[in-house]
Amino acid sequence: MLFVSLCSGCASPYRAPIDPIDLIHFKPDCSRKQEQMAFLNQIKPTANEEFFARNEIGLFGSLSKDREYKRMLSDGSIEYLVNQNIILLKQECRN
């Protein structure tokens, strides 16, 4: 109970979740490389976001309405997809 009380104020350290499907279907646009690079770096999960997602999935499981996103956040899938898109952008737009 104490842990839940302590974390209730910090239970939402997340930014608005991006749909993983959008990350899977990301298309580099070399004319907007800097914008896309900034966007991808901005949505890269922080260690705190991953930590809280792991704890929330472990504690509350299916109670979360964005459970699948938090599962992917906690297991590193979101970070992997973001990093792959950064690599793709760098390879496609070598200017």
N, C-alpha and C. Protein backbone atom coordinates (compact mmCIF):
# COMPACT_ATOMS: atom_id res chain seq x y z
N MET A 1 0.83 -1.19 0.00
CA MET A 1 0.00 0.00 0.00
C MET A 1 0.87 1.25 0.00
N LEU A 2 1.92 1.23 0.79
CA LEU A 2 2.81 2.39 0.85
C LEU A 2 3.45 2.63 -0.51
N PHE A 3 3.90 1.56 -1.17
CA PHE A 3 4.54 1.71 -2.48
C PHE A 3 3.57 2.32 -3.48
N VAL A 4 2.34 1.86 -3.49
CA VAL A 4 1.33 2.41 -4.39
C VAL A 4 1.10 3.88 -4.09
N SER A 5 1.06 4.24 -2.82
CA SER A 5 0.87 5.63 -2.44
C SER A 5 2.04 6.49 -2.89
N LEU A 6 3.24 5.98 -2.73
CA LEU A 6 4.41 6.74 -3.13
C LEU A 6 4.47 6.93 -4.63
N CYS A 7 4.04 5.92 -5.36
CA CYS A 7 4.13 6.00 -6.82
C CYS A 7 2.89 6.58 -7.47
N SER A 8 1.85 6.80 -6.71
CA SER A 8 0.63 7.31 -7.34
C SER A 8 0.85 8.70 -7.94
N GLY A 9 1.71 9.48 -7.34
CA GLY A 9 2.00 10.79 -7.89
C GLY A 9 2.94 10.74 -9.07
N CYS A 10 3.65 9.64 -9.23
CA CYS A 10 4.61 9.53 -10.31
C CYS A 10 4.25 8.38 -11.24
N ALA A 11 3.02 7.95 -11.21
CA ALA A 11 2.61 6.81 -12.01
C ALA A 11 2.50 7.16 -13.49
N SER A 12 2.59 8.43 -13.83
CA SER A 12 2.47 8.82 -15.23
C SER A 12 3.68 9.61 -15.70
N PRO A 13 4.88 9.04 -15.63
CA PRO A 13 6.04 9.77 -16.11
C PRO A 13 6.17 9.67 -17.63
N TYR A 14 5.14 9.19 -18.30
CA TYR A 14 5.20 8.94 -19.73
C TYR A 14 4.76 10.15 -20.52
N ARG A 15 5.38 10.30 -21.66
CA ARG A 15 4.87 11.24 -22.64
C ARG A 15 3.72 10.51 -23.35
N ALA A 16 3.00 11.23 -24.17
CA ALA A 16 1.93 10.57 -24.91
C ALA A 16 2.53 9.43 -25.72
N PRO A 17 2.01 8.23 -25.55
CA PRO A 17 2.61 7.09 -26.25
C PRO A 17 2.46 7.20 -27.76
N ILE A 18 3.51 6.83 -28.44
CA ILE A 18 3.45 6.75 -29.90
C ILE A 18 2.99 5.34 -30.24
N ASP A 19 2.22 5.23 -31.27
CA ASP A 19 1.75 3.92 -31.69
C ASP A 19 2.94 3.16 -32.28
N PRO A 20 3.24 1.98 -31.76
CA PRO A 20 4.36 1.20 -32.30
C PRO A 20 4.21 0.92 -33.80
N ILE A 21 2.99 0.86 -34.29
CA ILE A 21 2.77 0.66 -35.73
C ILE A 21 3.38 1.83 -36.52
N ASP A 22 3.28 3.05 -35.97
CA ASP A 22 3.89 4.20 -36.64
C ASP A 22 5.40 4.06 -36.69
N LEU A 23 5.99 3.51 -35.66
CA LEU A 23 7.44 3.29 -35.66
C LEU A 23 7.83 2.20 -36.65
N ILE A 24 7.00 1.19 -36.77
CA ILE A 24 7.28 0.09 -37.69
C ILE A 24 7.21 0.57 -39.14
N HIS A 25 6.28 1.48 -39.43
CA HIS A 25 6.07 1.95 -40.79
C HIS A 25 6.71 3.31 -41.07
N PHE A 26 7.68 3.69 -40.26
CA PHE A 26 8.38 4.96 -40.41
C PHE A 26 9.05 5.03 -41.78
N LYS A 27 8.90 6.16 -42.46
CA LYS A 27 9.54 6.38 -43.76
C LYS A 27 10.44 7.61 -43.67
N PRO A 28 11.73 7.44 -43.92
CA PRO A 28 12.64 8.59 -43.89
C PRO A 28 12.30 9.58 -45.01
N ASP A 29 12.37 10.85 -44.68
CA ASP A 29 12.17 11.93 -45.65
C ASP A 29 13.41 12.80 -45.56
N CYS A 30 14.30 12.66 -46.53
CA CYS A 30 15.58 13.35 -46.47
C CYS A 30 15.44 14.87 -46.46
N SER A 31 14.36 15.38 -47.02
CA SER A 31 14.17 16.83 -46.99
C SER A 31 13.80 17.32 -45.59
N ARG A 32 13.42 16.40 -44.72
CA ARG A 32 13.06 16.74 -43.34
C ARG A 32 13.91 15.94 -42.35
N LYS A 33 15.13 15.63 -42.75
CA LYS A 33 16.00 14.78 -41.92
C LYS A 33 16.18 15.33 -40.51
N GLN A 34 16.49 16.61 -40.39
CA GLN A 34 16.74 17.19 -39.06
C GLN A 34 15.49 17.13 -38.19
N GLU A 35 14.33 17.41 -38.77
CA GLU A 35 13.07 17.33 -38.01
C GLU A 35 12.81 15.90 -37.54
N GLN A 36 12.98 14.95 -38.47
CA GLN A 36 12.72 13.56 -38.12
C GLN A 36 13.72 13.06 -37.07
N MET A 37 14.97 13.46 -37.20
CA MET A 37 15.99 13.04 -36.23
C MET A 37 15.65 13.62 -34.85
N ALA A 38 15.26 14.89 -34.81
CA ALA A 38 14.88 15.51 -33.54
C ALA A 38 13.66 14.81 -32.94
N PHE A 39 12.68 14.49 -33.77
CA PHE A 39 11.48 13.81 -33.30
C PHE A 39 11.83 12.44 -32.72
N LEU A 40 12.62 11.66 -33.44
CA LEU A 40 12.98 10.32 -32.97
C LEU A 40 13.77 10.39 -31.66
N ASN A 41 14.68 11.34 -31.57
CA ASN A 41 15.45 11.48 -30.32
C ASN A 41 14.55 11.93 -29.17
N GLN A 42 13.53 12.72 -29.48
CA GLN A 42 12.61 13.20 -28.45
C GLN A 42 11.73 12.07 -27.91
N ILE A 43 11.34 11.13 -28.76
CA ILE A 43 10.45 10.06 -28.29
C ILE A 43 11.20 8.85 -27.76
N LYS A 44 12.54 8.91 -27.82
CA LYS A 44 13.32 7.79 -27.28
C LYS A 44 13.03 7.67 -25.78
N PRO A 45 12.67 6.48 -25.33
CA PRO A 45 12.33 6.31 -23.90
C PRO A 45 13.51 6.59 -22.98
N THR A 46 13.20 7.18 -21.84
CA THR A 46 14.22 7.40 -20.82
C THR A 46 14.30 6.18 -19.91
N ALA A 47 15.35 6.09 -19.14
CA ALA A 47 15.49 4.99 -18.18
C ALA A 47 14.35 5.01 -17.17
N ASN A 48 13.92 6.22 -16.76
CA ASN A 48 12.81 6.32 -15.81
C ASN A 48 11.51 5.79 -16.41
N GLU A 49 11.25 6.11 -17.66
CA GLU A 49 10.03 5.62 -18.30
C GLU A 49 10.03 4.09 -18.36
N GLU A 50 11.17 3.52 -18.72
CA GLU A 50 11.26 2.06 -18.77
C GLU A 50 11.10 1.45 -17.38
N PHE A 51 11.72 2.06 -16.39
CA PHE A 51 11.62 1.56 -15.01
C PHE A 51 10.17 1.57 -14.53
N PHE A 52 9.49 2.71 -14.70
CA PHE A 52 8.11 2.81 -14.24
C PHE A 52 7.18 1.88 -15.02
N ALA A 53 7.46 1.71 -16.30
CA ALA A 53 6.64 0.79 -17.10
C ALA A 53 6.80 -0.65 -16.59
N ARG A 54 8.05 -1.05 -16.31
CA ARG A 54 8.30 -2.40 -15.76
C ARG A 54 7.55 -2.59 -14.45
N ASN A 55 7.64 -1.60 -13.58
CA ASN A 55 6.96 -1.70 -12.28
C ASN A 55 5.45 -1.70 -12.43
N GLU A 56 4.94 -0.87 -13.31
CA GLU A 56 3.49 -0.81 -13.48
C GLU A 56 2.96 -2.11 -14.08
N ILE A 57 3.66 -2.65 -15.05
CA ILE A 57 3.23 -3.93 -15.63
C ILE A 57 3.29 -5.02 -14.56
N GLY A 58 4.34 -5.01 -13.76
CA GLY A 58 4.48 -6.02 -12.71
C GLY A 58 3.46 -5.88 -11.61
N LEU A 59 3.13 -4.65 -11.24
CA LEU A 59 2.20 -4.42 -10.14
C LEU A 59 0.74 -4.47 -10.56
N PHE A 60 0.43 -3.81 -11.67
CA PHE A 60 -0.96 -3.62 -12.04
C PHE A 60 -1.40 -4.46 -13.23
N GLY A 61 -0.44 -5.00 -13.95
CA GLY A 61 -0.76 -5.86 -15.08
C GLY A 61 -1.78 -5.29 -16.04
N SER A 62 -2.91 -5.92 -16.11
CA SER A 62 -3.90 -5.58 -17.12
C SER A 62 -4.76 -4.38 -16.76
N LEU A 63 -4.54 -3.72 -15.64
CA LEU A 63 -5.35 -2.56 -15.26
C LEU A 63 -5.05 -1.33 -16.11
N SER A 64 -3.88 -1.27 -16.69
CA SER A 64 -3.49 -0.12 -17.48
C SER A 64 -4.16 -0.14 -18.84
N LYS A 65 -4.68 1.01 -19.26
CA LYS A 65 -5.37 1.05 -20.56
C LYS A 65 -4.39 1.01 -21.74
N ASP A 66 -3.16 1.41 -21.54
CA ASP A 66 -2.16 1.31 -22.61
C ASP A 66 -1.11 0.26 -22.24
N ARG A 67 -1.59 -0.88 -21.81
CA ARG A 67 -0.75 -1.97 -21.33
C ARG A 67 0.26 -2.44 -22.39
N GLU A 68 -0.19 -2.60 -23.62
CA GLU A 68 0.71 -3.11 -24.67
C GLU A 68 1.87 -2.15 -24.91
N TYR A 69 1.58 -0.86 -24.95
CA TYR A 69 2.65 0.13 -25.12
C TYR A 69 3.64 0.04 -23.95
N LYS A 70 3.12 -0.05 -22.73
CA LYS A 70 3.99 -0.11 -21.56
C LYS A 70 4.79 -1.42 -21.52
N ARG A 71 4.20 -2.50 -22.01
CA ARG A 71 4.95 -3.75 -22.10
C ARG A 71 6.11 -3.59 -23.06
N MET A 72 5.83 -2.99 -24.23
CA MET A 72 6.88 -2.77 -25.22
C MET A 72 7.92 -1.78 -24.71
N LEU A 73 7.49 -0.82 -23.93
CA LEU A 73 8.40 0.14 -23.33
C LEU A 73 9.30 -0.56 -22.31
N SER A 74 8.70 -1.41 -21.49
CA SER A 74 9.45 -2.06 -20.42
C SER A 74 10.45 -3.10 -20.94
N ASP A 75 10.14 -3.75 -22.07
CA ASP A 75 11.07 -4.77 -22.57
C ASP A 75 12.06 -4.25 -23.60
N GLY A 76 12.04 -2.93 -23.84
CA GLY A 76 13.02 -2.33 -24.74
C GLY A 76 12.61 -2.30 -26.20
N SER A 77 11.41 -2.78 -26.53
CA SER A 77 10.98 -2.82 -27.92
C SER A 77 10.82 -1.42 -28.52
N ILE A 78 10.28 -0.49 -27.75
CA ILE A 78 10.09 0.87 -28.25
C ILE A 78 11.45 1.51 -28.53
N GLU A 79 12.38 1.37 -27.60
CA GLU A 79 13.71 1.93 -27.80
C GLU A 79 14.39 1.30 -29.03
N TYR A 80 14.22 0.00 -29.20
CA TYR A 80 14.79 -0.69 -30.36
C TYR A 80 14.23 -0.12 -31.66
N LEU A 81 12.91 0.05 -31.72
CA LEU A 81 12.28 0.58 -32.93
C LEU A 81 12.75 2.01 -33.22
N VAL A 82 12.84 2.83 -32.19
CA VAL A 82 13.32 4.20 -32.37
C VAL A 82 14.77 4.19 -32.88
N ASN A 83 15.62 3.39 -32.25
CA ASN A 83 17.03 3.31 -32.66
C ASN A 83 17.17 2.81 -34.10
N GLN A 84 16.37 1.82 -34.48
CA GLN A 84 16.42 1.32 -35.85
C GLN A 84 16.01 2.40 -36.85
N ASN A 85 15.03 3.21 -36.49
CA ASN A 85 14.61 4.28 -37.38
C ASN A 85 15.66 5.39 -37.47
N ILE A 86 16.38 5.64 -36.40
CA ILE A 86 17.48 6.61 -36.44
C ILE A 86 18.57 6.10 -37.38
N ILE A 87 18.90 4.83 -37.26
CA ILE A 87 19.91 4.23 -38.15
C ILE A 87 19.44 4.30 -39.60
N LEU A 88 18.18 3.94 -39.84
CA LEU A 88 17.62 3.98 -41.19
C LEU A 88 17.68 5.39 -41.77
N LEU A 89 17.33 6.37 -40.98
CA LEU A 89 17.36 7.76 -41.42
C LEU A 89 18.78 8.18 -41.77
N LYS A 90 19.74 7.82 -40.94
CA LYS A 90 21.14 8.16 -41.21
C LYS A 90 21.64 7.48 -42.49
N GLN A 91 21.25 6.22 -42.72
CA GLN A 91 21.71 5.50 -43.91
C GLN A 91 21.05 6.02 -45.17
N GLU A 92 19.77 6.32 -45.11
CA GLU A 92 19.02 6.77 -46.29
C GLU A 92 19.38 8.20 -46.69
N CYS A 93 19.73 9.01 -45.72
CA CYS A 93 19.97 10.45 -45.96
C CYS A 93 21.38 10.82 -45.55
N ARG A 94 22.34 10.41 -46.32
CA ARG A 94 23.76 10.66 -45.98
C ARG A 94 24.25 11.98 -46.54
N ASN A 95 23.66 13.06 -46.14
CA ASN A 95 24.10 14.39 -46.60
C ASN A 95 24.58 15.20 -45.45
